Structure formats: C-alpha cells, structure tokens
Amino acid sequence: MKFLVVESLKSVRDSLCYILLSFGIKGIPIKNYKSAKEYFDNNQDITGLIVDIDNKDVEGIKLIEYLRGNTPTKDIKIIVHTVQSNKDFVIKMIESGVVGYLLKPFEEEQAYRKLKGILSKVSNHHKDRKHIRVKPEADELLRLHFRLPGYEKLLSGKILDISMGGVAAELFNPPEDNILMPGTFIPAITFVLGTRQLSPSGDIVLQKGNFLAIKFKNMTSKDKNNLARFIFKRISQ
C-alpha cells in the first residue's frame, strides 16, 4: 500500500511516513495541493491520503474535492489532519468520504495510536499485511550479533534484508543443530544503522543452514524511529 502524506511541515510529513512504515505502508511526502495533484495524475498506485486541511498553502479541502470528483481516485482512503472537531465539520467530512481524523497539535505517539485504529477499520487494509523490506547496499556490510539464553557463544551475521517487522541474516558462525529453532526468543539483537545502535528483542521464525529470519518482538520508540528513518530514506531515493 502507498499513502500520500500532504503536509506543509517537513518534520510532520516525515514523522507520518515513519509511522506508516510501522503498518507496512509506504508514505510519499508531498507539501501542497499542486504537487499532490501532479503525483495523482501520473501515478495510479496510491491507496490512501493523509492531508492537512487547515494550512492555506496545502489547500487540503481543494485536494479532497479534486479526488472525489476524479473517477480514478474516488476510492482513495482519506485521513484528515486538522484542529477542527465540531459536529457540523465532522458530518461534512464524512459526506466527503473521509475515513478518519488526526487532531492537532501533532504528537507522534498519539498519531501512531490513532492511525492504528483507523487503518484497522479500512476494509482493504489486511491485518496480516507484509512489511516493506530493504536490502543493504553491497558496500555497507551491515552486521548483527546476539546471544541466546544458556548458550555462551556470541552469534553474528550479515544482514540480508530488514523491515519494521524483522530481519533476515546470514550467520558467520551458526551453532550446532537444535540451538536455533523457530520460536526461540532472543533478548537483544544488536546492529548499527548509520551511527545508531539498535537492540530489539525477537523470536526466530525460520532457520535453514546459515540463514536466519527473526521477527522483532519488543522495540523501544527510539529504536523504532531510527529503523523507520533508515527504511524511509532507502525507499525514498
């Protein structure tokens, strides 16, 4: 899935794109109506929109009216970002086909919770959606390492791909059989993205030879933001 994120402030645009990544959605940051219309006119793969309808430079209401009057874009799911919450306004937005609201002032954790609820109600947004995966560049040499409870050796490997949901790696020193098994819990999977070290926990979901797939289980908000920034930068190039 792809969502256009139409906001005047770059910091808000980027934060919303990072949040969308958590739900397996690629966010396309756009700053105003003109740029959004040009994107829609040249791309047919957008399924949703988050738009600021208060900022006069963004022209969010005009964008909604354009989408609802343009046959190829009528089914796009629209989420508005606004300070307005009175009854008459809400009714007007519902009549325009809006599926949800993000109230200002923008706060990342609150926006995450709100978007999670909105997206869960969108009929074509499946709860088992796949996360967007990115592969390291050939010269990046991204590494991870971890220890297993009750096993002394430090295990390490090369990251093959990574997403908000987990990581796949090729181990340099795989242990003997029956040590790495699906369901095995790893308290801390340590790796560095750019200059930032992350250490989420995770569960092994697949092991075959030197190949290992891990699903992230617990991740701090700081680690989540750093991972989202890394992935967003890759898919936006």
Protein backbone atom coordinates (compact mmCIF):
# COMPACT_ATOMS: atom_id res chain seq x y z
CA MET A 1 0.00 0.00 0.00
CA LYS A 2 1.03 3.59 -0.64
CA PHE A 3 -0.26 6.75 1.02
CA LEU A 4 0.37 10.35 0.02
CA VAL A 5 1.22 12.47 3.06
CA VAL A 6 0.37 16.09 2.25
CA GLU A 7 1.63 18.44 4.96
CA SER A 8 3.29 21.85 4.95
CA LEU A 9 5.84 20.99 7.67
CA LYS A 10 8.60 18.62 6.62
CA SER A 11 9.01 17.32 10.18
CA VAL A 12 5.33 16.28 10.31
CA ARG A 13 5.43 14.80 6.79
CA ASP A 14 8.44 12.67 7.68
CA SER A 15 7.06 11.58 11.07
CA LEU A 16 3.80 10.42 9.48
CA CYS A 17 5.76 8.50 6.85
CA TYR A 18 7.76 6.77 9.60
CA ILE A 19 4.54 5.83 11.39
CA LEU A 20 3.02 4.43 8.20
CA LEU A 21 6.06 2.21 7.78
CA SER A 22 5.16 0.58 11.09
CA PHE A 23 1.98 -0.65 9.38
CA GLY A 24 3.69 -1.81 6.20
CA ILE A 25 2.66 1.26 4.20
CA LYS A 26 4.94 3.39 2.08
CA GLY A 27 4.34 7.10 2.66
CA ILE A 28 5.04 9.58 -0.13
CA PRO A 29 5.75 13.05 1.37
CA ILE A 30 4.15 15.94 -0.54
CA LYS A 31 3.97 19.59 0.56
CA ASN A 32 0.89 21.02 -1.21
CA TYR A 33 -2.13 20.55 -3.48
CA LYS A 34 -0.29 21.29 -6.72
CA SER A 35 2.39 18.66 -6.10
CA ALA A 36 -0.19 16.12 -4.88
CA LYS A 37 -2.37 16.62 -7.98
CA GLU A 38 0.65 16.16 -10.25
CA TYR A 39 1.51 12.93 -8.42
CA PHE A 40 -2.03 11.56 -8.70
CA ASP A 41 -2.20 12.47 -12.37
CA ASN A 42 0.94 10.44 -13.09
CA ASN A 43 0.56 7.53 -10.66
CA GLN A 44 -2.29 5.06 -10.25
CA ASP A 45 -0.96 3.09 -7.27
CA ILE A 46 -1.97 5.34 -4.36
CA THR A 47 -4.50 3.78 -1.99
CA GLY A 48 -4.67 6.42 0.75
CA LEU A 49 -4.07 10.03 1.71
CA ILE A 50 -3.23 11.90 4.90
CA VAL A 51 -3.81 15.62 4.34
CA ASP A 52 -3.58 18.82 6.37
CA ILE A 53 -6.81 20.71 5.71
CA ASP A 54 -6.03 23.79 7.84
CA ASN A 55 -2.94 25.19 6.14
CA LYS A 56 -3.81 27.55 3.29
CA ASP A 57 -0.61 26.68 1.41
CA VAL A 58 -1.52 22.97 1.40
CA GLU A 59 -5.10 23.52 0.13
CA GLY A 60 -6.27 20.24 1.64
CA ILE A 61 -10.01 20.76 1.09
CA LYS A 62 -9.35 21.54 -2.57
CA LEU A 63 -7.35 18.30 -2.84
CA ILE A 64 -10.18 16.26 -1.30
CA GLU A 65 -12.68 17.83 -3.70
CA TYR A 66 -10.40 17.00 -6.62
CA LEU A 67 -10.06 13.37 -5.55
CA ARG A 68 -13.77 12.90 -5.03
CA GLY A 69 -14.53 14.40 -8.43
CA ASN A 70 -11.94 12.36 -10.30
CA THR A 71 -13.14 8.82 -11.12
CA PRO A 72 -9.73 7.03 -10.90
CA THR A 73 -9.15 8.44 -7.40
CA LYS A 74 -12.62 8.15 -5.82
CA ASP A 75 -11.74 5.01 -3.84
CA ILE A 76 -8.69 6.52 -2.14
CA LYS A 77 -8.95 6.37 1.66
CA ILE A 78 -8.69 9.91 3.07
CA ILE A 79 -7.48 10.80 6.57
CA VAL A 80 -7.53 14.48 7.51
CA HIS A 81 -5.15 16.29 9.87
CA THR A 82 -6.91 19.22 11.50
CA VAL A 83 -7.72 21.27 14.59
CA GLN A 84 -11.42 21.20 13.71
CA SER A 85 -13.68 18.76 15.53
CA ASN A 86 -17.16 20.32 15.74
CA LYS A 87 -20.19 18.25 14.75
CA ASP A 88 -21.03 20.09 11.53
CA PHE A 89 -17.47 19.82 10.28
CA VAL A 90 -17.30 16.09 11.05
CA ILE A 91 -20.55 15.49 9.14
CA LYS A 92 -19.20 17.45 6.18
CA MET A 93 -16.02 15.36 6.14
CA ILE A 94 -17.98 12.09 6.37
CA GLU A 95 -20.04 13.19 3.39
CA SER A 96 -16.76 13.81 1.57
CA GLY A 97 -15.69 10.21 2.19
CA VAL A 98 -13.14 10.83 4.94
CA VAL A 99 -12.33 7.63 6.89
CA GLY A 100 -10.54 9.18 9.87
CA TYR A 101 -9.07 12.19 11.68
CA LEU A 102 -5.76 13.16 13.22
CA LEU A 103 -6.23 16.09 15.58
CA LYS A 104 -3.62 18.79 16.05
CA PRO A 105 -1.26 19.61 17.62
CA PHE A 106 0.74 16.75 16.11
CA GLU A 107 2.23 14.29 18.59
CA GLU A 108 3.90 11.17 17.23
CA GLU A 109 2.77 8.59 19.79
CA GLN A 110 -0.81 9.84 19.71
CA ALA A 111 -0.78 9.84 15.89
CA TYR A 112 0.52 6.26 15.91
CA ARG A 113 -2.32 5.06 18.13
CA LYS A 114 -4.94 6.93 16.13
CA LEU A 115 -3.68 5.69 12.75
CA LYS A 116 -3.56 2.13 14.05
CA GLY A 117 -7.24 2.32 14.87
CA ILE A 118 -8.19 3.98 11.59
CA LEU A 119 -6.24 1.55 9.41
CA SER A 120 -7.69 -1.47 11.21
CA LYS A 121 -11.14 -0.35 10.07
CA VAL A 122 -10.22 0.24 6.44
CA SER A 123 -11.70 -2.73 4.58
CA ASN A 124 -8.83 -3.32 2.16
CA HIS A 125 -6.09 -2.97 4.74
CA HIS A 126 -5.42 -6.55 5.82
CA LYS A 127 -4.19 -7.10 9.37
CA ASP A 128 -1.55 -9.55 8.11
CA ARG A 129 -0.02 -7.05 5.66
CA LYS A 130 3.64 -7.53 4.86
CA HIS A 131 6.25 -5.03 5.95
CA ILE A 132 8.34 -3.16 3.41
CA ARG A 133 11.79 -4.77 3.24
CA VAL A 134 15.01 -3.07 2.21
CA LYS A 135 18.38 -4.60 1.39
CA PRO A 136 21.71 -3.06 2.44
CA GLU A 137 23.95 -1.68 -0.27
CA ALA A 138 26.72 -4.05 -1.35
CA ASP A 139 29.41 -1.98 0.39
CA GLU A 140 27.52 -1.34 3.64
CA LEU A 141 28.43 -4.57 5.42
CA LEU A 142 25.60 -4.34 7.95
CA ARG A 143 26.15 -6.81 10.77
CA LEU A 144 24.14 -8.11 13.70
CA HIS A 145 25.06 -10.14 16.75
CA PHE A 146 23.23 -11.71 19.68
CA ARG A 147 23.44 -14.27 22.48
CA LEU A 148 20.94 -16.98 23.28
CA PRO A 149 19.89 -17.78 26.85
CA GLY A 150 22.01 -20.69 28.09
CA TYR A 151 24.43 -20.56 25.14
CA GLU A 152 27.81 -18.95 25.75
CA LYS A 153 28.98 -18.06 22.25
CA LEU A 154 28.25 -14.74 20.60
CA LEU A 155 26.48 -15.36 17.29
CA SER A 156 26.93 -12.90 14.44
CA GLY A 157 25.96 -12.50 10.82
CA LYS A 158 25.42 -10.31 7.78
CA ILE A 159 22.05 -8.57 7.39
CA LEU A 160 20.37 -9.63 4.13
CA ASP A 161 17.25 -7.51 4.48
CA ILE A 162 15.40 -5.63 7.19
CA SER A 163 11.92 -4.24 7.79
CA MET A 164 9.90 -2.77 10.63
CA GLY A 165 8.80 -6.34 11.36
CA GLY A 166 12.09 -8.20 11.44
CA VAL A 167 15.43 -9.04 9.90
CA ALA A 168 16.96 -11.80 7.76
CA ALA A 169 20.64 -12.63 8.15
CA GLU A 170 23.35 -15.00 7.01
CA LEU A 171 25.22 -16.25 10.07
CA PHE A 172 29.01 -16.38 10.11
CA ASN A 173 29.18 -18.90 12.95
CA PRO A 174 25.95 -20.92 13.11
CA PRO A 175 25.79 -23.16 16.19
CA GLU A 176 25.22 -26.89 16.24
CA ASP A 177 21.82 -28.31 15.38
CA ASN A 178 18.80 -27.68 17.60
CA ILE A 179 20.16 -24.45 19.10
CA LEU A 180 18.38 -22.10 16.71
CA MET A 181 14.77 -23.17 16.36
CA PRO A 182 11.54 -21.42 15.39
CA GLY A 183 10.06 -19.80 18.47
CA THR A 184 13.42 -19.31 20.22
CA PHE A 185 13.49 -15.95 21.99
CA ILE A 186 16.48 -13.61 21.55
CA PRO A 187 16.67 -10.98 24.31
CA ALA A 188 18.72 -8.48 22.27
CA ILE A 189 19.58 -8.40 18.57
CA THR A 190 22.26 -5.73 18.24
CA PHE A 191 23.01 -3.93 14.98
CA VAL A 192 24.07 -0.48 13.80
CA LEU A 193 22.25 1.60 11.17
CA GLY A 194 24.34 4.59 10.19
CA THR A 195 25.65 5.81 13.54
CA ARG A 196 22.76 4.47 15.63
CA GLN A 197 22.86 1.20 17.54
CA LEU A 198 19.60 -0.72 17.94
CA SER A 199 18.94 -3.68 20.25
CA PRO A 200 15.38 -5.02 19.87
CA SER A 201 14.37 -8.44 21.12
CA GLY A 202 12.87 -11.01 18.79
CA ASP A 203 11.71 -14.54 18.03
CA ILE A 204 13.32 -16.85 15.48
CA VAL A 205 10.77 -17.69 12.78
CA LEU A 206 12.98 -19.59 10.33
CA GLN A 207 16.42 -21.20 10.33
CA LYS A 208 17.94 -23.11 7.45
CA GLY A 209 21.68 -23.69 7.27
CA ASN A 210 23.35 -20.32 7.72
CA PHE A 211 20.11 -18.43 7.01
CA LEU A 212 18.12 -16.98 9.90
CA ALA A 213 14.89 -14.97 9.95
CA ILE A 214 13.90 -13.12 13.10
CA LYS A 215 10.66 -11.33 13.94
CA PHE A 216 11.12 -8.27 16.14
CA LYS A 217 9.17 -8.62 19.37
CA ASN A 218 9.93 -5.61 21.55
CA MET A 219 11.45 -2.38 20.28
CA THR A 220 11.84 0.95 22.03
CA SER A 221 10.26 4.00 20.44
CA LYS A 222 13.77 5.36 19.81
CA ASP A 223 14.84 2.16 18.03
CA LYS A 224 11.58 2.15 16.07
CA ASN A 225 12.12 5.72 14.90
CA ASN A 226 15.73 5.05 13.90
CA LEU A 227 14.73 1.96 11.92
CA ALA A 228 11.86 3.81 10.26
CA ARG A 229 14.20 6.64 9.24
CA PHE A 230 16.66 4.13 7.74
CA ILE A 231 13.96 2.37 5.72
CA PHE A 232 12.20 5.55 4.68
CA LYS A 233 15.45 7.01 3.36
CA ARG A 234 16.02 3.89 1.23
CA ILE A 235 12.57 3.72 -0.33
CA SER A 236 12.50 7.47 -0.98
CA GLN A 237 15.67 7.53 -3.07
